[in-house]
Amino acid sequence: MVDIKIEDIRKLKELSGVGLTDAKVALVEAKGDFDKALEAMRKKGLTKAEKRGDRETREGRIDSYVHDGRIGAIVEVNCETSFVAKTDEFKDLAHKIAMQVASMNPRDVSELMVQQYILDDSRTVEMFIKDAIAKTGENITVKQFKRIELGVVE
């Protein structure tokens, strides 16, 4: 029998966005190996995220980011319900996507999705959004964005 610590269960729950029971089951299946359990939960979450991809996203928020008064970005990020749109996690997601747009200047949404995520270069923006989908249980999309740079006219 593998000794599973409650601290590991809680930590896995926080990192993956799953319930305590699912976190415990993942740790038991991984024979107590926290990293293997986390990877299994991420894969499971990403699978669920892909299944949600066809759900309509009619709620959401518009967020912006201005860097040093010289570069600005405004983004529209959508989700399924106003409840999720009002959460701190969703607000943070929208703001980080605005930072990404300001920093990396993608041409369109499809280019944005394949860019390395500025806060974790081992992942893409699409992976970052899929993690949020797994945690919220709702489909999330980036509808549109605009980037403005001082002195540059498109």
C-alpha atoms as a PDB file:
ATOM      1  CA  MET A   1       0.000   0.000   0.000  1.00  0.00           C
ATOM      2  CA  VAL A   2       1.338   3.413  -0.987  1.00  0.00           C
ATOM      3  CA  ASP A   3       1.360   6.137   1.649  1.00  0.00           C
ATOM      4  CA  ILE A   4      -0.538   9.131   0.216  1.00  0.00           C
ATOM      5  CA  LYS A   5      -0.194  12.413   2.104  1.00  0.00           C
ATOM      6  CA  ILE A   6      -3.149  14.790   2.413  1.00  0.00           C
ATOM      7  CA  GLU A   7      -0.803  17.683   1.585  1.00  0.00           C
ATOM      8  CA  ASP A   8      -0.027  16.061  -1.777  1.00  0.00           C
ATOM      9  CA  ILE A   9      -3.736  15.560  -2.471  1.00  0.00           C
ATOM     10  CA  ARG A  10      -4.471  19.215  -1.719  1.00  0.00           C
ATOM     11  CA  LYS A  11      -1.529  20.425  -3.777  1.00  0.00           C
ATOM     12  CA  LEU A  12      -2.584  18.265  -6.741  1.00  0.00           C
ATOM     13  CA  LYS A  13      -6.143  19.547  -6.402  1.00  0.00           C
ATOM     14  CA  GLU A  14      -4.939  23.169  -6.492  1.00  0.00           C
ATOM     15  CA  LEU A  15      -2.628  22.676  -9.463  1.00  0.00           C
ATOM     16  CA  SER A  16      -5.017  20.651 -11.602  1.00  0.00           C
ATOM     17  CA  GLY A  17      -8.391  22.105 -10.626  1.00  0.00           C
ATOM     18  CA  VAL A  18      -9.936  18.696  -9.923  1.00  0.00           C
ATOM     19  CA  GLY A  19     -11.787  17.500  -6.839  1.00  0.00           C
ATOM     20  CA  LEU A  20     -10.120  15.905  -3.816  1.00  0.00           C
ATOM     21  CA  THR A  21     -11.318  12.418  -4.731  1.00  0.00           C
ATOM     22  CA  ASP A  22      -9.948  12.663  -8.275  1.00  0.00           C
ATOM     23  CA  ALA A  23      -6.644  13.972  -6.923  1.00  0.00           C
ATOM     24  CA  LYS A  24      -6.384  11.071  -4.471  1.00  0.00           C
ATOM     25  CA  VAL A  25      -7.233   8.513  -7.166  1.00  0.00           C
ATOM     26  CA  ALA A  26      -4.558   9.983  -9.453  1.00  0.00           C
ATOM     27  CA  LEU A  27      -1.945   9.751  -6.692  1.00  0.00           C
ATOM     28  CA  VAL A  28      -2.896   6.162  -5.891  1.00  0.00           C
ATOM     29  CA  GLU A  29      -2.735   5.211  -9.599  1.00  0.00           C
ATOM     30  CA  ALA A  30       0.683   6.899  -9.843  1.00  0.00           C
ATOM     31  CA  LYS A  31       1.836   4.941  -6.776  1.00  0.00           C
ATOM     32  CA  GLY A  32       2.425   8.156  -4.829  1.00  0.00           C
ATOM     33  CA  ASP A  33       4.560   9.805  -7.546  1.00  0.00           C
ATOM     34  CA  PHE A  34       3.303  13.410  -7.466  1.00  0.00           C
ATOM     35  CA  ASP A  35       4.768  14.395 -10.849  1.00  0.00           C
ATOM     36  CA  LYS A  36       3.213  11.400 -12.624  1.00  0.00           C
ATOM     37  CA  ALA A  37      -0.146  12.099 -10.988  1.00  0.00           C
ATOM     38  CA  LEU A  38      -0.013  15.761 -12.021  1.00  0.00           C
ATOM     39  CA  GLU A  39       0.830  14.827 -15.606  1.00  0.00           C
ATOM     40  CA  ALA A  40      -2.052  12.323 -15.681  1.00  0.00           C
ATOM     41  CA  MET A  41      -4.456  14.954 -14.360  1.00  0.00           C
ATOM     42  CA  ARG A  42      -3.273  17.498 -16.951  1.00  0.00           C
ATOM     43  CA  LYS A  43      -3.814  14.991 -19.748  1.00  0.00           C
ATOM     44  CA  LYS A  44      -7.266  14.197 -18.387  1.00  0.00           C
ATOM     45  CA  GLY A  45      -8.069  17.899 -18.115  1.00  0.00           C
ATOM     46  CA  LEU A  46      -6.854  18.585 -21.639  1.00  0.00           C
ATOM     47  CA  THR A  47      -9.002  15.764 -22.965  1.00  0.00           C
ATOM     48  CA  LYS A  48     -12.019  17.308 -21.261  1.00  0.00           C
ATOM     49  CA  ALA A  49     -11.029  20.722 -22.635  1.00  0.00           C
ATOM     50  CA  GLU A  50     -10.962  19.392 -26.183  1.00  0.00           C
ATOM     51  CA  LYS A  51     -14.472  17.977 -25.748  1.00  0.00           C
ATOM     52  CA  ARG A  52     -15.710  21.431 -24.687  1.00  0.00           C
ATOM     53  CA  GLY A  53     -14.290  23.086 -27.794  1.00  0.00           C
ATOM     54  CA  ASP A  54     -17.580  23.137 -29.686  1.00  0.00           C
ATOM     55  CA  ARG A  55     -19.600  24.848 -26.946  1.00  0.00           C
ATOM     56  CA  GLU A  56     -20.680  28.434 -27.635  1.00  0.00           C
ATOM     57  CA  THR A  57     -18.896  31.232 -25.828  1.00  0.00           C
ATOM     58  CA  ARG A  58     -21.197  34.248 -25.578  1.00  0.00           C
ATOM     59  CA  GLU A  59     -20.057  35.684 -22.258  1.00  0.00           C
ATOM     60  CA  GLY A  60     -16.636  36.925 -21.242  1.00  0.00           C
ATOM     61  CA  ARG A  61     -14.755  40.146 -20.765  1.00  0.00           C
ATOM     62  CA  ILE A  62     -12.666  42.739 -22.488  1.00  0.00           C
ATOM     63  CA  ASP A  63      -9.336  43.460 -20.860  1.00  0.00           C
ATOM     64  CA  SER A  64      -6.345  45.619 -21.677  1.00  0.00           C
ATOM     65  CA  TYR A  65      -2.680  46.008 -20.924  1.00  0.00           C
ATOM     66  CA  VAL A  66      -0.443  49.041 -21.467  1.00  0.00           C
ATOM     67  CA  HIS A  67       3.326  48.675 -21.295  1.00  0.00           C
ATOM     68  CA  ASP A  68       5.325  51.759 -20.332  1.00  0.00           C
ATOM     69  CA  GLY A  69       2.764  54.054 -21.991  1.00  0.00           C
ATOM     70  CA  ARG A  70       4.096  53.037 -25.409  1.00  0.00           C
ATOM     71  CA  ILE A  71       2.462  49.729 -26.327  1.00  0.00           C
ATOM     72  CA  GLY A  72      -1.106  48.721 -25.566  1.00  0.00           C
ATOM     73  CA  ALA A  73      -3.360  45.773 -26.238  1.00  0.00           C
ATOM     74  CA  ILE A  74      -7.073  45.183 -25.819  1.00  0.00           C
ATOM     75  CA  VAL A  75      -8.547  41.668 -26.002  1.00  0.00           C
ATOM     76  CA  GLU A  76     -11.962  40.036 -26.017  1.00  0.00           C
ATOM     77  CA  VAL A  77     -11.880  36.672 -24.236  1.00  0.00           C
ATOM     78  CA  ASN A  78     -15.101  34.663 -24.163  1.00  0.00           C
ATOM     79  CA  CYS A  79     -16.506  31.872 -22.005  1.00  0.00           C
ATOM     80  CA  GLU A  80     -19.876  30.175 -21.644  1.00  0.00           C
ATOM     81  CA  THR A  81     -21.339  31.888 -18.563  1.00  0.00           C
ATOM     82  CA  SER A  82     -21.201  35.257 -16.858  1.00  0.00           C
ATOM     83  CA  PHE A  83     -20.462  33.424 -13.604  1.00  0.00           C
ATOM     84  CA  VAL A  84     -17.066  32.268 -14.903  1.00  0.00           C
ATOM     85  CA  ALA A  85     -16.428  35.625 -16.617  1.00  0.00           C
ATOM     86  CA  LYS A  86     -16.642  37.344 -13.227  1.00  0.00           C
ATOM     87  CA  THR A  87     -14.130  35.092 -11.458  1.00  0.00           C
ATOM     88  CA  ASP A  88     -10.686  36.379 -10.550  1.00  0.00           C
ATOM     89  CA  GLU A  89      -9.111  33.481 -12.448  1.00  0.00           C
ATOM     90  CA  PHE A  90     -10.875  34.438 -15.689  1.00  0.00           C
ATOM     91  CA  LYS A  91     -10.029  38.126 -15.231  1.00  0.00           C
ATOM     92  CA  ASP A  92      -6.386  37.163 -14.717  1.00  0.00           C
ATOM     93  CA  LEU A  93      -6.461  34.967 -17.831  1.00  0.00           C
ATOM     94  CA  ALA A  94      -7.809  37.819 -19.972  1.00  0.00           C
ATOM     95  CA  HIS A  95      -5.197  40.217 -18.607  1.00  0.00           C
ATOM     96  CA  LYS A  96      -2.347  37.786 -19.267  1.00  0.00           C
ATOM     97  CA  ILE A  97      -3.567  37.304 -22.835  1.00  0.00           C
ATOM     98  CA  ALA A  98      -3.551  41.103 -23.282  1.00  0.00           C
ATOM     99  CA  MET A  99       0.055  41.100 -21.998  1.00  0.00           C
ATOM    100  CA  GLN A 100       0.893  38.378 -24.509  1.00  0.00           C
ATOM    101  CA  VAL A 101      -0.568  40.407 -27.389  1.00  0.00           C
ATOM    102  CA  ALA A 102       1.303  43.549 -26.333  1.00  0.00           C
ATOM    103  CA  SER A 103       4.559  41.648 -25.964  1.00  0.00           C
ATOM    104  CA  MET A 104       4.519  39.315 -28.971  1.00  0.00           C
ATOM    105  CA  ASN A 105       2.436  41.227 -31.559  1.00  0.00           C
ATOM    106  CA  PRO A 106       0.586  38.299 -33.187  1.00  0.00           C
ATOM    107  CA  ARG A 107      -1.156  38.981 -36.521  1.00  0.00           C
ATOM    108  CA  ASP A 108      -4.320  37.082 -35.642  1.00  0.00           C
ATOM    109  CA  VAL A 109      -5.877  34.690 -33.126  1.00  0.00           C
ATOM    110  CA  SER A 110      -4.492  31.561 -34.795  1.00  0.00           C
ATOM    111  CA  GLU A 111      -0.938  32.939 -34.605  1.00  0.00           C
ATOM    112  CA  LEU A 112      -1.495  33.949 -30.982  1.00  0.00           C
ATOM    113  CA  MET A 113      -2.494  30.392 -30.045  1.00  0.00           C
ATOM    114  CA  VAL A 114       0.764  28.827 -31.293  1.00  0.00           C
ATOM    115  CA  GLN A 115       3.092  31.404 -29.730  1.00  0.00           C
ATOM    116  CA  GLN A 116       5.259  30.504 -26.764  1.00  0.00           C
ATOM    117  CA  TYR A 117       3.509  31.786 -23.668  1.00  0.00           C
ATOM    118  CA  ILE A 118       5.519  34.742 -22.297  1.00  0.00           C
ATOM    119  CA  LEU A 119       5.231  33.673 -18.655  1.00  0.00           C
ATOM    120  CA  ASP A 120       6.217  30.031 -19.331  1.00  0.00           C
ATOM    121  CA  ASP A 121       8.171  29.472 -22.545  1.00  0.00           C
ATOM    122  CA  SER A 122       7.794  25.698 -22.276  1.00  0.00           C
ATOM    123  CA  ARG A 123       4.108  26.088 -23.179  1.00  0.00           C
ATOM    124  CA  THR A 124       2.005  27.724 -25.877  1.00  0.00           C
ATOM    125  CA  VAL A 125      -0.826  30.196 -25.352  1.00  0.00           C
ATOM    126  CA  GLU A 126      -3.224  27.456 -26.465  1.00  0.00           C
ATOM    127  CA  MET A 127      -1.951  25.162 -23.691  1.00  0.00           C
ATOM    128  CA  PHE A 128      -2.381  27.985 -21.164  1.00  0.00           C
ATOM    129  CA  ILE A 129      -6.000  28.472 -22.273  1.00  0.00           C
ATOM    130  CA  LYS A 130      -6.698  24.720 -22.253  1.00  0.00           C
ATOM    131  CA  ASP A 131      -5.558  24.587 -18.626  1.00  0.00           C
ATOM    132  CA  ALA A 132      -8.109  27.306 -17.841  1.00  0.00           C
ATOM    133  CA  ILE A 133     -10.788  25.337 -19.704  1.00  0.00           C
ATOM    134  CA  ALA A 134      -9.984  22.269 -17.624  1.00  0.00           C
ATOM    135  CA  LYS A 135     -10.197  24.267 -14.378  1.00  0.00           C
ATOM    136  CA  THR A 136     -13.396  26.180 -15.169  1.00  0.00           C
ATOM    137  CA  GLY A 137     -15.236  23.404 -16.969  1.00  0.00           C
ATOM    138  CA  GLU A 138     -16.200  25.867 -19.705  1.00  0.00           C
ATOM    139  CA  ASN A 139     -15.033  26.502 -23.228  1.00  0.00           C
ATOM    140  CA  ILE A 140     -12.863  29.629 -23.489  1.00  0.00           C
ATOM    141  CA  THR A 141     -11.955  31.428 -26.707  1.00  0.00           C
ATOM    142  CA  VAL A 142     -10.085  34.540 -27.732  1.00  0.00           C
ATOM    143  CA  LYS A 143     -12.488  36.335 -30.054  1.00  0.00           C
ATOM    144  CA  GLN A 144     -10.419  39.344 -31.115  1.00  0.00           C
ATOM    145  CA  PHE A 145      -7.645  41.720 -30.132  1.00  0.00           C
ATOM    146  CA  LYS A 146      -5.986  44.949 -31.151  1.00  0.00           C
ATOM    147  CA  ARG A 147      -2.418  46.070 -30.460  1.00  0.00           C
ATOM    148  CA  ILE A 148      -1.329  49.697 -30.633  1.00  0.00           C
ATOM    149  CA  GLU A 149       2.253  50.945 -30.577  1.00  0.00           C
ATOM    150  CA  LEU A 150       3.140  54.612 -30.147  1.00  0.00           C
ATOM    151  CA  GLY A 151       4.203  56.117 -33.491  1.00  0.00           C
ATOM    152  CA  VAL A 152       3.335  53.033 -35.550  1.00  0.00           C
ATOM    153  CA  VAL A 153       0.345  53.178 -37.898  1.00  0.00           C
ATOM    154  CA  GLU A 154      -0.928  49.992 -39.470  1.00  0.00           C
END
